[in-house]
Amino acid sequence: MNIQIFGKSKCFDTKKAERYFKERGIKFQSIDLPKYGMSAGEFDSVKRAVGGLEAMLDEKANDAALVKYLAYDEDKQQKMLSNPKLIKTPIVRNGKKATVGYCPEIWKSWE
């Protein structure tokens, strides 16, 4: 397994995801999403795996309402890529597979 966890330092679900993999002795790469962001390719891969932009949008973020009302998906994606705080965390990637949020039942199937 090649696990990447994109998260925010103050996100409790990110901390829970990291603990989940640590407790099972599974190595992972942790990426601070607000600091480093995501490449367009990584974003597209996650978007395909989780079923679209809506699943990736953090409803609690300040500008989330603005993104929801943009007309085109390309505009929504650009806004989310330029402001990673709009992306729901944690994003856990395992190759082409990905989850958004705390999803231990799915991660268990990866083992």
N, C-alpha and C. Protein backbone atom coordinates (compact mmCIF):
# COMPACT_ATOMS: atom_id res chain seq x y z
N MET A 1 0.84 -1.19 0.00
CA MET A 1 0.00 0.00 0.00
C MET A 1 0.87 1.24 0.00
N ASN A 2 0.41 2.23 -0.71
CA ASN A 2 1.11 3.51 -0.79
C ASN A 2 0.11 4.59 -0.35
N ILE A 3 0.03 4.81 0.96
CA ILE A 3 -1.00 5.68 1.53
C ILE A 3 -0.49 7.12 1.63
N GLN A 4 -1.32 8.04 1.16
CA GLN A 4 -1.08 9.47 1.34
C GLN A 4 -2.28 10.04 2.09
N ILE A 5 -2.02 10.87 3.09
CA ILE A 5 -3.10 11.52 3.82
C ILE A 5 -2.93 13.02 3.65
N PHE A 6 -3.88 13.63 2.93
CA PHE A 6 -3.92 15.08 2.79
C PHE A 6 -4.83 15.59 3.90
N GLY A 7 -4.30 16.45 4.77
CA GLY A 7 -5.12 16.91 5.88
C GLY A 7 -4.75 18.30 6.35
N LYS A 8 -5.50 18.72 7.36
CA LYS A 8 -5.28 20.02 7.99
C LYS A 8 -4.84 19.74 9.43
N SER A 9 -3.90 20.53 9.94
CA SER A 9 -3.34 20.27 11.26
C SER A 9 -4.36 20.33 12.38
N LYS A 10 -5.42 21.13 12.23
CA LYS A 10 -6.42 21.26 13.28
C LYS A 10 -7.67 20.43 13.03
N CYS A 11 -7.60 19.50 12.09
CA CYS A 11 -8.75 18.66 11.74
C CYS A 11 -8.70 17.36 12.55
N PHE A 12 -9.72 17.12 13.36
CA PHE A 12 -9.75 15.93 14.21
C PHE A 12 -9.86 14.66 13.37
N ASP A 13 -10.60 14.69 12.26
CA ASP A 13 -10.69 13.51 11.41
C ASP A 13 -9.35 13.16 10.77
N THR A 14 -8.55 14.17 10.47
CA THR A 14 -7.20 13.92 9.93
C THR A 14 -6.37 13.20 10.99
N LYS A 15 -6.43 13.67 12.22
CA LYS A 15 -5.67 13.03 13.30
C LYS A 15 -6.14 11.60 13.53
N LYS A 16 -7.45 11.38 13.44
CA LYS A 16 -7.99 10.02 13.60
C LYS A 16 -7.53 9.11 12.47
N ALA A 17 -7.47 9.63 11.26
CA ALA A 17 -7.00 8.83 10.12
C ALA A 17 -5.53 8.45 10.30
N GLU A 18 -4.71 9.41 10.72
CA GLU A 18 -3.30 9.11 10.95
C GLU A 18 -3.14 8.05 12.04
N ARG A 19 -3.93 8.17 13.10
CA ARG A 19 -3.89 7.20 14.20
C ARG A 19 -4.31 5.82 13.70
N TYR A 20 -5.33 5.75 12.85
CA TYR A 20 -5.81 4.48 12.30
C TYR A 20 -4.67 3.73 11.64
N PHE A 21 -3.91 4.41 10.78
CA PHE A 21 -2.83 3.74 10.06
C PHE A 21 -1.63 3.46 10.96
N LYS A 22 -1.33 4.35 11.90
CA LYS A 22 -0.23 4.11 12.84
C LYS A 22 -0.50 2.87 13.68
N GLU A 23 -1.73 2.74 14.19
CA GLU A 23 -2.08 1.58 15.03
C GLU A 23 -1.95 0.26 14.29
N ARG A 24 -2.08 0.26 12.99
CA ARG A 24 -1.99 -0.96 12.19
C ARG A 24 -0.60 -1.15 11.58
N GLY A 25 0.31 -0.25 11.91
CA GLY A 25 1.68 -0.37 11.41
C GLY A 25 1.80 -0.12 9.92
N ILE A 26 0.88 0.65 9.36
CA ILE A 26 0.89 0.95 7.92
C ILE A 26 1.55 2.31 7.72
N LYS A 27 2.60 2.32 6.94
CA LYS A 27 3.30 3.58 6.68
C LYS A 27 2.47 4.46 5.76
N PHE A 28 2.55 5.76 6.00
CA PHE A 28 1.80 6.71 5.18
C PHE A 28 2.60 8.00 5.07
N GLN A 29 2.26 8.76 4.05
CA GLN A 29 2.85 10.08 3.85
C GLN A 29 1.78 11.09 4.21
N SER A 30 2.11 11.99 5.13
CA SER A 30 1.17 13.02 5.56
C SER A 30 1.49 14.33 4.85
N ILE A 31 0.47 14.95 4.25
CA ILE A 31 0.66 16.19 3.51
C ILE A 31 -0.24 17.26 4.11
N ASP A 32 0.35 18.38 4.49
CA ASP A 32 -0.41 19.51 5.04
C ASP A 32 -1.09 20.22 3.87
N LEU A 33 -2.38 19.98 3.73
CA LEU A 33 -3.13 20.49 2.58
C LEU A 33 -3.12 22.01 2.46
N PRO A 34 -3.38 22.78 3.54
CA PRO A 34 -3.35 24.24 3.39
C PRO A 34 -1.97 24.78 3.01
N LYS A 35 -0.93 24.11 3.47
CA LYS A 35 0.43 24.59 3.20
C LYS A 35 0.92 24.20 1.80
N TYR A 36 0.71 22.94 1.41
CA TYR A 36 1.26 22.44 0.15
C TYR A 36 0.24 22.28 -0.97
N GLY A 37 -1.04 22.23 -0.62
CA GLY A 37 -2.07 22.07 -1.64
C GLY A 37 -2.02 20.71 -2.31
N MET A 38 -2.67 20.64 -3.46
CA MET A 38 -2.74 19.41 -4.26
C MET A 38 -2.47 19.77 -5.71
N SER A 39 -1.83 18.89 -6.42
CA SER A 39 -1.64 19.13 -7.84
C SER A 39 -2.97 18.88 -8.56
N ALA A 40 -3.10 19.41 -9.75
CA ALA A 40 -4.33 19.22 -10.53
C ALA A 40 -4.55 17.74 -10.83
N GLY A 41 -3.48 17.01 -11.08
CA GLY A 41 -3.59 15.58 -11.36
C GLY A 41 -4.08 14.79 -10.14
N GLU A 42 -3.53 15.12 -8.97
CA GLU A 42 -3.98 14.46 -7.74
C GLU A 42 -5.45 14.78 -7.48
N PHE A 43 -5.82 16.04 -7.67
CA PHE A 43 -7.19 16.48 -7.46
C PHE A 43 -8.15 15.71 -8.38
N ASP A 44 -7.79 15.59 -9.66
CA ASP A 44 -8.64 14.87 -10.62
C ASP A 44 -8.78 13.40 -10.25
N SER A 45 -7.68 12.79 -9.82
CA SER A 45 -7.71 11.39 -9.42
C SER A 45 -8.64 11.17 -8.23
N VAL A 46 -8.56 12.04 -7.24
CA VAL A 46 -9.43 11.93 -6.07
C VAL A 46 -10.88 12.20 -6.47
N LYS A 47 -11.08 13.20 -7.30
CA LYS A 47 -12.44 13.56 -7.74
C LYS A 47 -13.11 12.38 -8.42
N ARG A 48 -12.39 11.67 -9.28
CA ARG A 48 -12.94 10.49 -9.95
C ARG A 48 -13.24 9.38 -8.94
N ALA A 49 -12.35 9.19 -7.98
CA ALA A 49 -12.50 8.09 -7.01
C ALA A 49 -13.66 8.31 -6.05
N VAL A 50 -13.95 9.55 -5.69
CA VAL A 50 -14.99 9.82 -4.69
C VAL A 50 -16.32 10.25 -5.29
N GLY A 51 -16.38 10.44 -6.60
CA GLY A 51 -17.65 10.73 -7.24
C GLY A 51 -17.95 12.19 -7.50
N GLY A 52 -16.94 13.03 -7.59
CA GLY A 52 -17.18 14.41 -8.00
C GLY A 52 -16.77 15.47 -7.00
N LEU A 53 -16.91 16.71 -7.44
CA LEU A 53 -16.49 17.86 -6.63
C LEU A 53 -17.29 18.04 -5.36
N GLU A 54 -18.59 17.73 -5.41
CA GLU A 54 -19.45 17.95 -4.25
C GLU A 54 -18.97 17.15 -3.04
N ALA A 55 -18.47 15.94 -3.29
CA ALA A 55 -17.97 15.10 -2.20
C ALA A 55 -16.70 15.66 -1.58
N MET A 56 -15.98 16.48 -2.33
CA MET A 56 -14.71 17.03 -1.85
C MET A 56 -14.84 18.40 -1.20
N LEU A 57 -15.97 19.07 -1.38
CA LEU A 57 -16.15 20.41 -0.85
C LEU A 57 -16.45 20.38 0.65
N ASP A 58 -15.68 21.14 1.43
CA ASP A 58 -15.90 21.24 2.87
C ASP A 58 -17.02 22.25 3.11
N GLU A 59 -18.19 21.74 3.47
CA GLU A 59 -19.37 22.59 3.67
C GLU A 59 -19.17 23.61 4.79
N LYS A 60 -18.25 23.33 5.71
CA LYS A 60 -18.02 24.23 6.85
C LYS A 60 -17.06 25.37 6.53
N ALA A 61 -16.41 25.32 5.38
CA ALA A 61 -15.45 26.35 5.00
C ALA A 61 -16.16 27.67 4.73
N ASN A 62 -15.45 28.78 4.97
CA ASN A 62 -16.04 30.11 4.82
C ASN A 62 -16.59 30.39 3.42
N ASP A 63 -15.84 30.02 2.40
CA ASP A 63 -16.24 30.34 1.02
C ASP A 63 -16.96 29.19 0.32
N ALA A 64 -17.41 28.19 1.06
CA ALA A 64 -18.04 27.02 0.45
C ALA A 64 -19.29 27.41 -0.33
N ALA A 65 -20.08 28.33 0.19
CA ALA A 65 -21.31 28.75 -0.51
C ALA A 65 -20.98 29.38 -1.85
N LEU A 66 -19.89 30.14 -1.91
CA LEU A 66 -19.47 30.76 -3.16
C LEU A 66 -19.15 29.70 -4.21
N VAL A 67 -18.44 28.66 -3.80
CA VAL A 67 -18.06 27.60 -4.73
C VAL A 67 -19.30 26.86 -5.24
N LYS A 68 -20.26 26.62 -4.36
CA LYS A 68 -21.48 25.89 -4.75
C LYS A 68 -22.24 26.59 -5.86
N TYR A 69 -22.16 27.92 -5.88
CA TYR A 69 -22.96 28.68 -6.85
C TYR A 69 -22.20 29.06 -8.11
N LEU A 70 -20.97 28.61 -8.24
CA LEU A 70 -20.26 28.82 -9.51
C LEU A 70 -20.90 27.90 -10.56
N ALA A 71 -21.02 28.40 -11.76
CA ALA A 71 -21.78 27.67 -12.79
C ALA A 71 -21.05 26.45 -13.35
N TYR A 72 -19.75 26.56 -13.53
CA TYR A 72 -19.02 25.50 -14.22
C TYR A 72 -18.10 24.74 -13.27
N ASP A 73 -18.00 23.42 -13.48
CA ASP A 73 -17.15 22.59 -12.64
C ASP A 73 -15.68 23.02 -12.73
N GLU A 74 -15.25 23.50 -13.91
CA GLU A 74 -13.87 23.94 -14.06
C GLU A 74 -13.58 25.12 -13.13
N ASP A 75 -14.55 26.03 -13.00
CA ASP A 75 -14.40 27.18 -12.11
C ASP A 75 -14.37 26.74 -10.65
N LYS A 76 -15.23 25.79 -10.31
CA LYS A 76 -15.27 25.26 -8.95
C LYS A 76 -13.93 24.60 -8.60
N GLN A 77 -13.43 23.80 -9.54
CA GLN A 77 -12.17 23.11 -9.32
C GLN A 77 -11.02 24.10 -9.15
N GLN A 78 -10.97 25.12 -9.98
CA GLN A 78 -9.91 26.14 -9.88
C GLN A 78 -9.97 26.84 -8.52
N LYS A 79 -11.17 27.18 -8.07
CA LYS A 79 -11.34 27.85 -6.78
C LYS A 79 -10.86 26.95 -5.64
N MET A 80 -11.20 25.66 -5.72
CA MET A 80 -10.78 24.72 -4.68
C MET A 80 -9.28 24.48 -4.70
N LEU A 81 -8.70 24.41 -5.89
CA LEU A 81 -7.25 24.21 -5.98
C LEU A 81 -6.48 25.43 -5.49
N SER A 82 -7.02 26.62 -5.75
CA SER A 82 -6.32 27.85 -5.33
C SER A 82 -6.54 28.14 -3.84
N ASN A 83 -7.58 27.54 -3.25
CA ASN A 83 -7.84 27.73 -1.82
C ASN A 83 -8.10 26.36 -1.19
N PRO A 84 -7.03 25.62 -0.83
CA PRO A 84 -7.18 24.26 -0.32
C PRO A 84 -8.00 24.15 0.97
N LYS A 85 -8.25 25.26 1.64
CA LYS A 85 -9.09 25.20 2.85
C LYS A 85 -10.53 24.83 2.51
N LEU A 86 -10.89 24.91 1.24
CA LEU A 86 -12.23 24.55 0.79
C LEU A 86 -12.40 23.04 0.60
N ILE A 87 -11.31 22.30 0.66
CA ILE A 87 -11.35 20.86 0.42
C ILE A 87 -11.54 20.13 1.74
N LYS A 88 -12.50 19.22 1.75
CA LYS A 88 -12.81 18.44 2.95
C LYS A 88 -11.66 17.48 3.24
N THR A 89 -11.34 17.33 4.51
CA THR A 89 -10.23 16.46 4.91
C THR A 89 -10.71 15.44 5.93
N PRO A 90 -9.97 14.36 6.10
CA PRO A 90 -8.77 13.98 5.36
C PRO A 90 -9.11 13.36 4.01
N ILE A 91 -8.19 13.54 3.09
CA ILE A 91 -8.26 12.80 1.83
C ILE A 91 -7.19 11.73 1.95
N VAL A 92 -7.61 10.49 1.87
CA VAL A 92 -6.69 9.36 1.98
C VAL A 92 -6.62 8.69 0.62
N ARG A 93 -5.42 8.63 0.07
CA ARG A 93 -5.21 8.02 -1.25
C ARG A 93 -4.40 6.74 -1.12
N ASN A 94 -4.79 5.77 -1.91
CA ASN A 94 -4.05 4.52 -2.03
C ASN A 94 -4.03 4.19 -3.52
N GLY A 95 -3.04 4.73 -4.23
CA GLY A 95 -2.99 4.58 -5.68
C GLY A 95 -4.15 5.32 -6.32
N LYS A 96 -4.97 4.60 -7.09
CA LYS A 96 -6.13 5.22 -7.76
C LYS A 96 -7.35 5.30 -6.84
N LYS A 97 -7.29 4.61 -5.70
CA LYS A 97 -8.40 4.64 -4.74
C LYS A 97 -8.25 5.84 -3.82
N ALA A 98 -9.37 6.38 -3.38
CA ALA A 98 -9.32 7.52 -2.47
C ALA A 98 -10.62 7.63 -1.67
N THR A 99 -10.49 8.23 -0.49
CA THR A 99 -11.66 8.54 0.32
C THR A 99 -11.56 9.98 0.80
N VAL A 100 -12.70 10.56 1.12
CA VAL A 100 -12.75 11.89 1.71
C VAL A 100 -13.49 11.75 3.03
N GLY A 101 -12.86 12.25 4.10
CA GLY A 101 -13.44 12.10 5.43
C GLY A 101 -12.89 10.86 6.11
N TYR A 102 -13.40 10.58 7.30
CA TYR A 102 -12.94 9.44 8.09
C TYR A 102 -13.72 8.21 7.66
N CYS A 103 -13.06 7.26 6.99
CA CYS A 103 -13.74 6.09 6.41
C CYS A 103 -13.00 4.79 6.72
N PRO A 104 -12.91 4.39 7.99
CA PRO A 104 -12.13 3.19 8.32
C PRO A 104 -12.67 1.91 7.68
N GLU A 105 -13.97 1.83 7.42
CA GLU A 105 -14.53 0.62 6.81
C GLU A 105 -13.99 0.42 5.39
N ILE A 106 -13.74 1.50 4.68
CA ILE A 106 -13.16 1.40 3.33
C ILE A 106 -11.68 1.10 3.42
N TRP A 107 -10.97 1.76 4.34
CA TRP A 107 -9.53 1.54 4.48
C TRP A 107 -9.24 0.09 4.85
N LYS A 108 -10.12 -0.51 5.65
CA LYS A 108 -9.93 -1.91 6.05
C LYS A 108 -9.93 -2.82 4.83
N SER A 109 -10.75 -2.49 3.83
CA SER A 109 -10.80 -3.33 2.62
C SER A 109 -9.53 -3.19 1.79
N TRP A 110 -8.75 -2.13 2.01
CA TRP A 110 -7.49 -1.94 1.29
C TRP A 110 -6.37 -2.83 1.85
N GLU A 111 -6.50 -3.28 3.09
CA GLU A 111 -5.42 -4.02 3.75
C GLU A 111 -5.26 -5.40 3.15
